[in-house]
Amino acid sequence: YKAFSWNKGFKEYFAVKATPNPTILKILHECGCGTDCSSLAE
């Protein structure tokens, strides 16, 4: 987020397929990240 702070609307959408664990998603969401989903389960 610091690296891309020059862009007002920057957002990282973590690729859920990489590590599909709720605890990981919540940690990253607290850091400002959304999720990149590609299936119903995700």
Full PDB file with SEQRES, HELIX, SHEET, SSBOND, CRYST1, ORIGX, SCALE, CONECT and MASTER records, all heavy atoms in Angstrom:
SEQRES   1 A   42  TYR LYS ALA PHE SER TRP ASN LYS GLY PHE LYS GLU TYR          
SEQRES   2 A   42  PHE ALA VAL LYS ALA THR PRO ASN PRO THR ILE LEU LYS          
SEQRES   3 A   42  ILE LEU HIS GLU CYS GLY CYS GLY THR ASP CYS SER SER          
SEQRES   4 A   42  LEU ALA GLU                                                  
HELIX    1 AA1 VAL A   16  ALA A   18  5                                   3    
HELIX    2 AA2 PRO A   22  GLU A   30  1                                   9    
SHEET    1 AA1 2 TYR A  13  ALA A  15  0                                        
SHEET    2 AA1 2 GLY A  34  ASP A  36  1                                        
CRYST1    1.000    1.000    1.000  90.00  90.00  90.00 P 1           1          
ORIGX1      1.000000  0.000000  0.000000        0.00000                         
ORIGX2      0.000000  1.000000  0.000000        0.00000                         
ORIGX3      0.000000  0.000000  1.000000        0.00000                         
SCALE1      1.000000  0.000000  0.000000        0.00000                         
SCALE2      0.000000  1.000000  0.000000        0.00000                         
SCALE3      0.000000  0.000000  1.000000        0.00000                         
ATOM      1  N   TYR A   1       0.819  -1.215   0.000  1.00  0.00           N  
ATOM      2  CA  TYR A   1       0.000   0.000   0.000  1.00  0.00           C  
ATOM      3  C   TYR A   1       0.853   1.264   0.000  1.00  0.00           C  
ATOM      4  O   TYR A   1       0.508   2.260  -0.648  1.00  0.00           O  
ATOM      5  CB  TYR A   1      -0.972  -0.010   1.175  1.00  0.00           C  
ATOM      6  CG  TYR A   1      -2.277  -0.688   0.816  1.00  0.00           C  
ATOM      7  CD1 TYR A   1      -2.432  -2.059   0.964  1.00  0.00           C  
ATOM      8  CD2 TYR A   1      -3.332   0.044   0.285  1.00  0.00           C  
ATOM      9  CE1 TYR A   1      -3.614  -2.685   0.601  1.00  0.00           C  
ATOM     10  CE2 TYR A   1      -4.519  -0.569  -0.074  1.00  0.00           C  
ATOM     11  CZ  TYR A   1      -4.656  -1.941   0.076  1.00  0.00           C  
ATOM     12  OH  TYR A   1      -5.816  -2.548  -0.304  1.00  0.00           O  
ATOM     13  N   LYS A   2       1.961   1.239   0.699  1.00  0.00           N  
ATOM     14  CA  LYS A   2       2.843   2.398   0.715  1.00  0.00           C  
ATOM     15  C   LYS A   2       3.424   2.648  -0.675  1.00  0.00           C  
ATOM     16  O   LYS A   2       3.501   3.789  -1.152  1.00  0.00           O  
ATOM     17  CB  LYS A   2       3.973   2.192   1.721  1.00  0.00           C  
ATOM     18  CG  LYS A   2       4.921   3.386   1.810  1.00  0.00           C  
ATOM     19  CD  LYS A   2       6.037   3.130   2.821  1.00  0.00           C  
ATOM     20  CE  LYS A   2       7.002   4.307   2.869  1.00  0.00           C  
ATOM     21  NZ  LYS A   2       8.128   4.066   3.825  1.00  0.00           N  
ATOM     22  N   ALA A   3       3.810   1.565  -1.364  1.00  0.00           N  
ATOM     23  CA  ALA A   3       4.419   1.689  -2.690  1.00  0.00           C  
ATOM     24  C   ALA A   3       3.466   2.328  -3.692  1.00  0.00           C  
ATOM     25  O   ALA A   3       3.883   3.113  -4.551  1.00  0.00           O  
ATOM     26  CB  ALA A   3       4.884   0.322  -3.185  1.00  0.00           C  
ATOM     27  N   PHE A   4       2.176   1.985  -3.588  1.00  0.00           N  
ATOM     28  CA  PHE A   4       1.193   2.498  -4.543  1.00  0.00           C  
ATOM     29  C   PHE A   4       0.380   3.665  -3.978  1.00  0.00           C  
ATOM     30  O   PHE A   4      -0.665   4.013  -4.524  1.00  0.00           O  
ATOM     31  CB  PHE A   4       0.247   1.370  -4.976  1.00  0.00           C  
ATOM     32  CG  PHE A   4       0.828   0.457  -6.018  1.00  0.00           C  
ATOM     33  CD1 PHE A   4       1.485  -0.707  -5.647  1.00  0.00           C  
ATOM     34  CD2 PHE A   4       0.725   0.771  -7.363  1.00  0.00           C  
ATOM     35  CE1 PHE A   4       2.028  -1.556  -6.617  1.00  0.00           C  
ATOM     36  CE2 PHE A   4       1.254  -0.066  -8.338  1.00  0.00           C  
ATOM     37  CZ  PHE A   4       1.910  -1.239  -7.961  1.00  0.00           C  
ATOM     38  N   SER A   5       0.877   4.290  -2.923  1.00  0.00           N  
ATOM     39  CA  SER A   5       0.130   5.375  -2.287  1.00  0.00           C  
ATOM     40  C   SER A   5      -0.036   6.592  -3.191  1.00  0.00           C  
ATOM     41  O   SER A   5      -0.878   7.453  -2.936  1.00  0.00           O  
ATOM     42  CB  SER A   5       0.808   5.781  -0.969  1.00  0.00           C  
ATOM     43  OG  SER A   5       2.130   6.235  -1.215  1.00  0.00           O  
ATOM     44  N   TRP A   6       0.764   6.670  -4.268  1.00  0.00           N  
ATOM     45  CA  TRP A   6       0.620   7.776  -5.223  1.00  0.00           C  
ATOM     46  C   TRP A   6      -0.712   7.720  -5.960  1.00  0.00           C  
ATOM     47  O   TRP A   6      -1.159   8.723  -6.514  1.00  0.00           O  
ATOM     48  CB  TRP A   6       1.764   7.753  -6.237  1.00  0.00           C  
ATOM     49  CG  TRP A   6       1.887   6.450  -7.000  1.00  0.00           C  
ATOM     50  CD1 TRP A   6       2.701   5.398  -6.687  1.00  0.00           C  
ATOM     51  CD2 TRP A   6       1.186   6.078  -8.199  1.00  0.00           C  
ATOM     52  NE1 TRP A   6       2.537   4.392  -7.605  1.00  0.00           N  
ATOM     53  CE2 TRP A   6       1.620   4.778  -8.539  1.00  0.00           C  
ATOM     54  CE3 TRP A   6       0.240   6.717  -9.004  1.00  0.00           C  
ATOM     55  CZ2 TRP A   6       1.144   4.098  -9.659  1.00  0.00           C  
ATOM     56  CZ3 TRP A   6      -0.248   6.036 -10.115  1.00  0.00           C  
ATOM     57  CH2 TRP A   6       0.200   4.747 -10.445  1.00  0.00           C  
ATOM     58  N   ASN A   7      -1.340   6.523  -5.969  1.00  0.00           N  
ATOM     59  CA  ASN A   7      -2.614   6.355  -6.664  1.00  0.00           C  
ATOM     60  C   ASN A   7      -3.741   6.361  -5.636  1.00  0.00           C  
ATOM     61  O   ASN A   7      -3.831   5.470  -4.801  1.00  0.00           O  
ATOM     62  CB  ASN A   7      -2.623   5.054  -7.466  1.00  0.00           C  
ATOM     63  CG  ASN A   7      -3.894   4.884  -8.271  1.00  0.00           C  
ATOM     64  OD1 ASN A   7      -4.817   4.173  -7.865  1.00  0.00           O  
ATOM     65  ND2 ASN A   7      -3.967   5.533  -9.427  1.00  0.00           N  
ATOM     66  N   LYS A   8      -4.588   7.382  -5.698  1.00  0.00           N  
ATOM     67  CA  LYS A   8      -5.615   7.595  -4.679  1.00  0.00           C  
ATOM     68  C   LYS A   8      -6.546   6.404  -4.507  1.00  0.00           C  
ATOM     69  O   LYS A   8      -6.961   6.072  -3.392  1.00  0.00           O  
ATOM     70  CB  LYS A   8      -6.424   8.843  -5.029  1.00  0.00           C  
ATOM     71  CG  LYS A   8      -7.434   9.248  -3.966  1.00  0.00           C  
ATOM     72  CD  LYS A   8      -8.141  10.534  -4.356  1.00  0.00           C  
ATOM     73  CE  LYS A   8      -9.171  10.941  -3.305  1.00  0.00           C  
ATOM     74  NZ  LYS A   8      -9.874  12.204  -3.682  1.00  0.00           N  
ATOM     75  N   GLY A   9      -6.876   5.721  -5.586  1.00  0.00           N  
ATOM     76  CA  GLY A   9      -7.850   4.632  -5.498  1.00  0.00           C  
ATOM     77  C   GLY A   9      -7.253   3.250  -5.411  1.00  0.00           C  
ATOM     78  O   GLY A   9      -7.973   2.247  -5.531  1.00  0.00           O  
ATOM     79  N   PHE A  10      -5.934   3.149  -5.180  1.00  0.00           N  
ATOM     80  CA  PHE A  10      -5.286   1.835  -5.206  1.00  0.00           C  
ATOM     81  C   PHE A  10      -5.928   0.848  -4.240  1.00  0.00           C  
ATOM     82  O   PHE A  10      -6.267   1.185  -3.111  1.00  0.00           O  
ATOM     83  CB  PHE A  10      -3.796   1.950  -4.866  1.00  0.00           C  
ATOM     84  CG  PHE A  10      -3.137   0.600  -4.748  1.00  0.00           C  
ATOM     85  CD1 PHE A  10      -2.800  -0.114  -5.880  1.00  0.00           C  
ATOM     86  CD2 PHE A  10      -2.890   0.036  -3.498  1.00  0.00           C  
ATOM     87  CE1 PHE A  10      -2.221  -1.374  -5.784  1.00  0.00           C  
ATOM     88  CE2 PHE A  10      -2.302  -1.217  -3.386  1.00  0.00           C  
ATOM     89  CZ  PHE A  10      -1.962  -1.930  -4.535  1.00  0.00           C  
ATOM     90  N   LYS A  11      -6.046  -0.411  -4.699  1.00  0.00           N  
ATOM     91  CA  LYS A  11      -6.532  -1.472  -3.825  1.00  0.00           C  
ATOM     92  C   LYS A  11      -5.935  -2.808  -4.265  1.00  0.00           C  
ATOM     93  O   LYS A  11      -5.864  -3.106  -5.456  1.00  0.00           O  
ATOM     94  CB  LYS A  11      -8.061  -1.577  -3.847  1.00  0.00           C  
ATOM     95  CG  LYS A  11      -8.617  -2.459  -2.715  1.00  0.00           C  
ATOM     96  CD  LYS A  11     -10.121  -2.358  -2.642  1.00  0.00           C  
ATOM     97  CE  LYS A  11     -10.675  -3.117  -1.441  1.00  0.00           C  
ATOM     98  NZ  LYS A  11     -10.300  -2.484  -0.152  1.00  0.00           N  
ATOM     99  N   GLU A  12      -5.503  -3.586  -3.299  1.00  0.00           N  
ATOM    100  CA  GLU A  12      -5.048  -4.945  -3.523  1.00  0.00           C  
ATOM    101  C   GLU A  12      -6.196  -5.897  -3.217  1.00  0.00           C  
ATOM    102  O   GLU A  12      -6.799  -5.846  -2.140  1.00  0.00           O  
ATOM    103  CB  GLU A  12      -3.843  -5.259  -2.629  1.00  0.00           C  
ATOM    104  CG  GLU A  12      -3.591  -6.725  -2.325  1.00  0.00           C  
ATOM    105  CD  GLU A  12      -3.206  -7.582  -3.522  1.00  0.00           C  
ATOM    106  OE1 GLU A  12      -2.817  -7.016  -4.564  1.00  0.00           O  
ATOM    107  OE2 GLU A  12      -3.300  -8.811  -3.422  1.00  0.00           O  
ATOM    108  N   TYR A  13      -6.511  -6.740  -4.188  1.00  0.00           N  
ATOM    109  CA  TYR A  13      -7.514  -7.798  -4.015  1.00  0.00           C  
ATOM    110  C   TYR A  13      -6.757  -9.120  -3.925  1.00  0.00           C  
ATOM    111  O   TYR A  13      -6.302  -9.657  -4.937  1.00  0.00           O  
ATOM    112  CB  TYR A  13      -8.486  -7.820  -5.196  1.00  0.00           C  
ATOM    113  CG  TYR A  13      -9.423  -6.646  -5.255  1.00  0.00           C  
ATOM    114  CD1 TYR A  13      -9.031  -5.454  -5.858  1.00  0.00           C  
ATOM    115  CD2 TYR A  13     -10.699  -6.715  -4.707  1.00  0.00           C  
ATOM    116  CE1 TYR A  13      -9.886  -4.360  -5.910  1.00  0.00           C  
ATOM    117  CE2 TYR A  13     -11.559  -5.625  -4.753  1.00  0.00           C  
ATOM    118  CZ  TYR A  13     -11.149  -4.454  -5.357  1.00  0.00           C  
ATOM    119  OH  TYR A  13     -12.008  -3.376  -5.402  1.00  0.00           O  
ATOM    120  N   PHE A  14      -6.607  -9.631  -2.715  1.00  0.00           N  
ATOM    121  CA  PHE A  14      -5.828 -10.853  -2.526  1.00  0.00           C  
ATOM    122  C   PHE A  14      -6.468 -12.023  -3.257  1.00  0.00           C  
ATOM    123  O   PHE A  14      -7.674 -12.258  -3.152  1.00  0.00           O  
ATOM    124  CB  PHE A  14      -5.698 -11.175  -1.034  1.00  0.00           C  
ATOM    125  CG  PHE A  14      -4.991 -12.475  -0.770  1.00  0.00           C  
ATOM    126  CD1 PHE A  14      -3.635 -12.609  -1.043  1.00  0.00           C  
ATOM    127  CD2 PHE A  14      -5.685 -13.575  -0.268  1.00  0.00           C  
ATOM    128  CE1 PHE A  14      -2.983 -13.812  -0.812  1.00  0.00           C  
ATOM    129  CE2 PHE A  14      -5.041 -14.775  -0.027  1.00  0.00           C  
ATOM    130  CZ  PHE A  14      -3.683 -14.896  -0.309  1.00  0.00           C  
ATOM    131  N   ALA A  15      -5.645 -12.773  -3.985  1.00  0.00           N  
ATOM    132  CA  ALA A  15      -6.138 -13.928  -4.742  1.00  0.00           C  
ATOM    133  C   ALA A  15      -6.450 -15.076  -3.786  1.00  0.00           C  
ATOM    134  O   ALA A  15      -5.550 -15.767  -3.312  1.00  0.00           O  
ATOM    135  CB  ALA A  15      -5.094 -14.358  -5.770  1.00  0.00           C  
ATOM    136  N   VAL A  16      -7.730 -15.270  -3.517  1.00  0.00           N  
ATOM    137  CA  VAL A  16      -8.160 -16.275  -2.537  1.00  0.00           C  
ATOM    138  C   VAL A  16      -7.637 -17.654  -2.903  1.00  0.00           C  
ATOM    139  O   VAL A  16      -7.292 -18.454  -2.025  1.00  0.00           O  
ATOM    140  CB  VAL A  16      -9.697 -16.288  -2.410  1.00  0.00           C  
ATOM    141  CG1 VAL A  16     -10.151 -17.377  -1.441  1.00  0.00           C  
ATOM    142  CG2 VAL A  16     -10.204 -14.929  -1.951  1.00  0.00           C  
ATOM    143  N   LYS A  17      -7.565 -17.948  -4.203  1.00  0.00           N  
ATOM    144  CA  LYS A  17      -7.112 -19.277  -4.634  1.00  0.00           C  
ATOM    145  C   LYS A  17      -5.725 -19.615  -4.106  1.00  0.00           C  
ATOM    146  O   LYS A  17      -5.377 -20.784  -3.977  1.00  0.00           O  
ATOM    147  CB  LYS A  17      -7.126 -19.378  -6.150  1.00  0.00           C  
ATOM    148  CG  LYS A  17      -6.240 -18.383  -6.869  1.00  0.00           C  
ATOM    149  CD  LYS A  17      -6.343 -18.548  -8.386  1.00  0.00           C  
ATOM    150  CE  LYS A  17      -5.643 -17.406  -9.109  1.00  0.00           C  
ATOM    151  NZ  LYS A  17      -6.435 -16.147  -9.021  1.00  0.00           N  
ATOM    152  N   ALA A  18      -4.918 -18.591  -3.807  1.00  0.00           N  
ATOM    153  CA  ALA A  18      -3.552 -18.828  -3.349  1.00  0.00           C  
ATOM    154  C   ALA A  18      -3.517 -19.411  -1.939  1.00  0.00           C  
ATOM    155  O   ALA A  18      -2.728 -20.322  -1.655  1.00  0.00           O  
ATOM    156  CB  ALA A  18      -2.747 -17.536  -3.393  1.00  0.00           C  
ATOM    157  N   THR A  19      -4.360 -18.881  -1.060  1.00  0.00           N  
ATOM    158  CA  THR A  19      -4.389 -19.325   0.345  1.00  0.00           C  
ATOM    159  C   THR A  19      -5.805 -19.153   0.876  1.00  0.00           C  
ATOM    160  O   THR A  19      -6.118 -18.171   1.562  1.00  0.00           O  
ATOM    161  CB  THR A  19      -3.409 -18.506   1.213  1.00  0.00           C  
ATOM    162  OG1 THR A  19      -2.193 -18.281   0.492  1.00  0.00           O  
ATOM    163  CG2 THR A  19      -3.097 -19.222   2.526  1.00  0.00           C  
ATOM    164  N   PRO A  20      -6.689 -20.082   0.567  1.00  0.00           N  
ATOM    165  CA  PRO A  20      -8.100 -19.917   0.938  1.00  0.00           C  
ATOM    166  C   PRO A  20      -8.367 -20.253   2.406  1.00  0.00           C  
ATOM    167  O   PRO A  20      -8.918 -21.315   2.735  1.00  0.00           O  
ATOM    168  CB  PRO A  20      -8.823 -20.888  -0.004  1.00  0.00           C  
ATOM    169  CG  PRO A  20      -7.815 -21.966  -0.257  1.00  0.00           C  
ATOM    170  CD  PRO A  20      -6.468 -21.294  -0.238  1.00  0.00           C  
ATOM    171  N   ASN A  21      -7.985 -19.355   3.278  1.00  0.00           N  
ATOM    172  CA  ASN A  21      -8.208 -19.555   4.707  1.00  0.00           C  
ATOM    173  C   ASN A  21      -8.816 -18.275   5.299  1.00  0.00           C  
ATOM    174  O   ASN A  21      -8.266 -17.187   5.099  1.00  0.00           O  
ATOM    175  CB  ASN A  21      -6.890 -19.883   5.413  1.00  0.00           C  
ATOM    176  CG  ASN A  21      -7.104 -20.258   6.863  1.00  0.00           C  
ATOM    177  OD1 ASN A  21      -7.422 -19.397   7.688  1.00  0.00           O  
ATOM    178  ND2 ASN A  21      -6.951 -21.532   7.202  1.00  0.00           N  
ATOM    179  N   PRO A  22      -9.932 -18.383   6.003  1.00  0.00           N  
ATOM    180  CA  PRO A  22     -10.608 -17.191   6.538  1.00  0.00           C  
ATOM    181  C   PRO A  22      -9.721 -16.313   7.412  1.00  0.00           C  
ATOM    182  O   PRO A  22      -9.819 -15.082   7.350  1.00  0.00           O  
ATOM    183  CB  PRO A  22     -11.771 -17.776   7.345  1.00  0.00           C  
ATOM    184  CG  PRO A  22     -12.019 -19.109   6.750  1.00  0.00           C  
ATOM    185  CD  PRO A  22     -10.681 -19.619   6.305  1.00  0.00           C  
ATOM    186  N   THR A  23      -8.868 -16.917   8.213  1.00  0.00           N  
ATOM    187  CA  THR A  23      -8.001 -16.126   9.085  1.00  0.00           C  
ATOM    188  C   THR A  23      -7.054 -15.265   8.268  1.00  0.00           C  
ATOM    189  O   THR A  23      -6.830 -14.082   8.578  1.00  0.00           O  
ATOM    190  CB  THR A  23      -7.207 -17.038  10.040  1.00  0.00           C  
ATOM    191  OG1 THR A  23      -8.127 -17.836  10.799  1.00  0.00           O  
ATOM    192  CG2 THR A  23      -6.348 -16.224  10.992  1.00  0.00           C  
ATOM    193  N   ILE A  24      -6.498 -15.841   7.205  1.00  0.00           N  
ATOM    194  CA  ILE A  24      -5.607 -15.081   6.324  1.00  0.00           C  
ATOM    195  C   ILE A  24      -6.374 -13.954   5.659  1.00  0.00           C  
ATOM    196  O   ILE A  24      -5.890 -12.806   5.581  1.00  0.00           O  
ATOM    197  CB  ILE A  24      -4.976 -16.005   5.270  1.00  0.00           C  
ATOM    198  CG1 ILE A  24      -4.110 -17.091   5.935  1.00  0.00           C  
ATOM    199  CG2 ILE A  24      -4.175 -15.195   4.259  1.00  0.00           C  
ATOM    200  CD1 ILE A  24      -2.941 -16.573   6.722  1.00  0.00           C  
ATOM    201  N   LEU A  25      -7.584 -14.229   5.170  1.00  0.00           N  
ATOM    202  CA  LEU A  25      -8.382 -13.197   4.504  1.00  0.00           C  
ATOM    203  C   LEU A  25      -8.710 -12.058   5.463  1.00  0.00           C  
ATOM    204  O   LEU A  25      -8.670 -10.878   5.079  1.00  0.00           O  
ATOM    205  CB  LEU A  25      -9.675 -13.789   3.942  1.00  0.00           C  
ATOM    206  CG  LEU A  25      -9.548 -14.905   2.906  1.00  0.00           C  
ATOM    207  CD1 LEU A  25     -10.906 -15.186   2.276  1.00  0.00           C  
ATOM    208  CD2 LEU A  25      -8.516 -14.582   1.838  1.00  0.00           C  
ATOM    209  N   LYS A  26      -9.019 -12.392   6.703  1.00  0.00           N  
ATOM    210  CA  LYS A  26      -9.350 -11.357   7.687  1.00  0.00           C  
ATOM    211  C   LYS A  26      -8.134 -10.492   8.015  1.00  0.00           C  
ATOM    212  O   LYS A  26      -8.245  -9.269   8.163  1.00  0.00           O  
ATOM    213  CB  LYS A  26      -9.899 -12.006   8.957  1.00  0.00           C  
ATOM    214  CG  LYS A  26     -11.291 -12.602   8.799  1.00  0.00           C  
ATOM    215  CD  LYS A  26     -11.736 -13.285  10.078  1.00  0.00           C  
ATOM    216  CE  LYS A  26     -13.106 -13.919   9.942  1.00  0.00           C  
ATOM    217  NZ  LYS A  26     -13.521 -14.622  11.178  1.00  0.00           N  
ATOM    218  N   ILE A  27      -6.966 -11.117   8.144  1.00  0.00           N  
ATOM    219  CA  ILE A  27      -5.745 -10.351   8.412  1.00  0.00           C  
ATOM    220  C   ILE A  27      -5.501  -9.352   7.287  1.00  0.00           C  
ATOM    221  O   ILE A  27      -5.247  -8.158   7.521  1.00  0.00           O  
ATOM    222  CB  ILE A  27      -4.529 -11.300   8.557  1.00  0.00           C  
ATOM    223  CG1 ILE A  27      -4.621 -12.079   9.874  1.00  0.00           C  
ATOM    224  CG2 ILE A  27      -3.218 -10.517   8.496  1.00  0.00           C  
ATOM    225  CD1 ILE A  27      -3.589 -13.179  10.008  1.00  0.00           C  
ATOM    226  N   LEU A  28      -5.595  -9.828   6.049  1.00  0.00           N  
ATOM    227  CA  LEU A  28      -5.343  -8.949   4.905  1.00  0.00           C  
ATOM    228  C   LEU A  28      -6.424  -7.887   4.770  1.00  0.00           C  
ATOM    229  O   LEU A  28      -6.136  -6.750   4.368  1.00  0.00           O  
ATOM    230  CB  LEU A  28      -5.229  -9.783   3.630  1.00  0.00           C  
ATOM    231  CG  LEU A  28      -3.962 -10.643   3.553  1.00  0.00           C  
ATOM    232  CD1 LEU A  28      -4.031 -11.597   2.372  1.00  0.00           C  
ATOM    233  CD2 LEU A  28      -2.711  -9.769   3.453  1.00  0.00           C  
ATOM    234  N   HIS A  29      -7.670  -8.240   5.107  1.00  0.00           N  
ATOM    235  CA  HIS A  29      -8.754  -7.254   5.036  1.00  0.00           C  
ATOM    236  C   HIS A  29      -8.510  -6.128   6.036  1.00  0.00           C  
ATOM    237  O   HIS A  29      -8.779  -4.949   5.738  1.00  0.00           O  
ATOM    238  CB  HIS A  29     -10.096  -7.931   5.300  1.00  0.00           C  
ATOM    239  CG  HIS A  29     -11.270  -7.086   4.938  1.00  0.00           C  
ATOM    240  ND1 HIS A  29     -12.329  -6.852   5.791  1.00  0.00           N  
ATOM    241  CD2 HIS A  29     -11.558  -6.391   3.812  1.00  0.00           C  
ATOM    242  CE1 HIS A  29     -13.209  -6.064   5.200  1.00  0.00           C  
ATOM    243  NE2 HIS A  29     -12.765  -5.769   4.011  1.00  0.00           N  
ATOM    244  N   GLU A  30      -7.989  -6.471   7.204  1.00  0.00           N  
ATOM    245  CA  GLU A  30      -7.637  -5.451   8.190  1.00  0.00           C  
ATOM    246  C   GLU A  30      -6.545  -4.522   7.652  1.00  0.00           C  
ATOM    247  O   GLU A  30      -6.434  -3.368   8.081  1.00  0.00           O  
ATOM    248  CB  GLU A  30      -7.169  -6.104   9.484  1.00  0.00           C  
ATOM    249  CG  GLU A  30      -8.276  -6.768  10.283  1.00  0.00           C  
ATOM    250  CD  GLU A  30      -7.766  -7.443  11.550  1.00  0.00           C  
ATOM    251  OE1 GLU A  30      -6.542  -7.315  11.837  1.00  0.00           O  
ATOM    252  OE2 GLU A  30      -8.561  -8.102  12.235  1.00  0.00           O  
ATOM    253  N   CYS A  31      -5.752  -5.029   6.710  1.00  0.00           N  
ATOM    254  CA  CYS A  31      -4.684  -4.232   6.103  1.00  0.00           C  
ATOM    255  C   CYS A  31      -5.168  -3.479   4.873  1.00  0.00           C  
ATOM    256  O   CYS A  31      -4.357  -2.851   4.172  1.00  0.00           O  
ATOM    257  CB  CYS A  31      -3.512  -5.138   5.722  1.00  0.00           C  
ATOM    258  SG  CYS A  31      -2.690  -5.936   7.122  1.00  0.00           S  
ATOM    259  N   GLY A  32      -6.473  -3.551   4.582  1.00  0.00           N  
ATOM    260  CA  GLY A  32      -7.034  -2.803   3.472  1.00  0.00           C  
ATOM    261  C   GLY A  32      -7.309  -3.599   2.222  1.00  0.00           C  
ATOM    262  O   GLY A  32      -7.781  -3.045   1.219  1.00  0.00           O  
ATOM    263  N   CYS A  33      -7.003  -4.891   2.236  1.00  0.00           N  
ATOM    264  CA  CYS A  33      -7.144  -5.708   1.033  1.00  0.00           C  
ATOM    265  C   CYS A  33      -8.563  -6.237   0.865  1.00  0.00           C  
ATOM    266  O   CYS A  33      -9.243  -6.557   1.840  1.00  0.00           O  
ATOM    267  CB  CYS A  33      -6.194  -6.904   1.080  1.00  0.00           C  
ATOM    268  SG  CYS A  33      -4.451  -6.461   1.230  1.00  0.00           S  
ATOM    269  N   GLY A  34      -8.968  -6.353  -0.394  1.00  0.00           N  
ATOM    270  CA  GLY A  34     -10.187  -7.062  -0.735  1.00  0.00           C  
ATOM    271  C   GLY A  34      -9.838  -8.477  -1.131  1.00  0.00           C  
ATOM    272  O   GLY A  34      -8.747  -8.977  -0.819  1.00  0.00           O  
ATOM    273  N   THR A  35     -10.761  -9.145  -1.816  1.00  0.00           N  
ATOM    274  CA  THR A  35     -10.516 -10.505  -2.271  1.00  0.00           C  
ATOM    275  C   THR A  35     -10.767 -10.625  -3.765  1.00  0.00           C  
ATOM    276  O   THR A  35     -11.705 -10.050  -4.299  1.00  0.00           O  
ATOM    277  CB  THR A  35     -11.402 -11.533  -1.537  1.00  0.00           C  
ATOM    278  OG1 THR A  35     -12.779 -11.149  -1.659  1.00  0.00           O  
ATOM    279  CG2 THR A  35     -11.029 -11.633  -0.073  1.00  0.00           C  
ATOM    280  N   ASP A  36      -9.911 -11.391  -4.414  1.00  0.00           N  
ATOM    281  CA  ASP A  36     -10.091 -11.787  -5.805  1.00  0.00           C  
ATOM    282  C   ASP A  36     -10.646 -13.194  -5.786  1.00  0.00           C  
ATOM    283  O   ASP A  36      -9.969 -14.137  -5.356  1.00  0.00           O  
ATOM    284  CB  ASP A  36      -8.737 -11.727  -6.536  1.00  0.00           C  
ATOM    285  CG  ASP A  36      -8.715 -12.598  -7.785  1.00  0.00           C  
ATOM    286  OD1 ASP A  36      -9.733 -12.642  -8.492  1.00  0.00           O  
ATOM    287  OD2 ASP A  36      -7.665 -13.217  -8.048  1.00  0.00           O  
ATOM    288  N   CYS A  37     -11.897 -13.351  -6.224  1.00  0.00           N  
ATOM    289  CA  CYS A  37     -12.571 -14.648  -6.179  1.00  0.00           C  
ATOM    290  C   CYS A  37     -12.807 -15.181  -7.587  1.00  0.00           C  
ATOM    291  O   CYS A  37     -13.020 -14.407  -8.528  1.00  0.00           O  
ATOM    292  CB  CYS A  37     -13.920 -14.531  -5.470  1.00  0.00           C  
ATOM    293  SG  CYS A  37     -13.817 -13.996  -3.746  1.00  0.00           S  
ATOM    294  N   SER A  38     -12.799 -16.501  -7.715  1.00  0.00           N  
ATOM    295  CA  SER A  38     -13.015 -17.101  -9.026  1.00  0.00           C  
ATOM    296  C   SER A  38     -13.947 -18.303  -8.974  1.00  0.00           C  
ATOM    297  O   SER A  38     -14.060 -19.041  -9.947  1.00  0.00           O  
ATOM    298  CB  SER A  38     -11.668 -17.526  -9.645  1.00  0.00           C  
ATOM    299  OG  SER A  38     -10.977 -18.417  -8.794  1.00  0.00           O  
ATOM    300  N   SER A  39     -14.628 -18.498  -7.852  1.00  0.00           N  
ATOM    301  CA  SER A  39     -15.547 -19.629  -7.731  1.00  0.00           C  
ATOM    302  C   SER A  39     -16.597 -19.322  -6.668  1.00  0.00           C  
ATOM    303  O   SER A  39     -16.461 -18.373  -5.882  1.00  0.00           O  
ATOM    304  CB  SER A  39     -14.794 -20.900  -7.336  1.00  0.00           C  
ATOM    305  OG  SER A  39     -14.324 -20.791  -5.991  1.00  0.00           O  
ATOM    306  N   LEU A  40     -17.629 -20.150  -6.624  1.00  0.00           N  
ATOM    307  CA  LEU A  40     -18.683 -19.985  -5.626  1.00  0.00           C  
ATOM    308  C   LEU A  40     -18.123 -20.122  -4.212  1.00  0.00           C  
ATOM    309  O   LEU A  40     -18.439 -19.326  -3.321  1.00  0.00           O  
ATOM    310  CB  LEU A  40     -19.789 -21.017  -5.857  1.00  0.00           C  
ATOM    311  CG  LEU A  40     -20.952 -20.976  -4.858  1.00  0.00           C  
ATOM    312  CD1 LEU A  40     -21.687 -19.648  -4.931  1.00  0.00           C  
ATOM    313  CD2 LEU A  40     -21.923 -22.131  -5.119  1.00  0.00           C  
ATOM    314  N   ALA A  41     -17.278 -21.134  -3.998  1.00  0.00           N  
ATOM    315  CA  ALA A  41     -16.726 -21.351  -2.657  1.00  0.00           C  
ATOM    316  C   ALA A  41     -15.912 -20.146  -2.185  1.00  0.00           C  
ATOM    317  O   ALA A  41     -15.976 -19.763  -1.011  1.00  0.00           O  
ATOM    318  CB  ALA A  41     -15.862 -22.609  -2.641  1.00  0.00           C  
ATOM    319  N   GLU A  42     -15.160 -19.535  -3.087  1.00  0.00           N  
ATOM    320  CA  GLU A  42     -14.371 -18.368  -2.704  1.00  0.00           C  
ATOM    321  C   GLU A  42     -15.261 -17.164  -2.412  1.00  0.00           C  
ATOM    322  O   GLU A  42     -14.972 -16.374  -1.507  1.00  0.00           O  
ATOM    323  CB  GLU A  42     -13.360 -18.054  -3.807  1.00  0.00           C  
ATOM    324  CG  GLU A  42     -12.281 -19.115  -3.919  1.00  0.00           C  
ATOM    325  CD  GLU A  42     -11.307 -18.901  -5.065  1.00  0.00           C  
ATOM    326  OE1 GLU A  42     -11.464 -17.909  -5.810  1.00  0.00           O  
ATOM    327  OE2 GLU A  42     -10.396 -19.727  -5.211  1.00  0.00           O  
TER     328      GLU A  42                                                      
MASTER        0    0    0    2    2    0    0    6  327    1    0    4          
END                                                                             
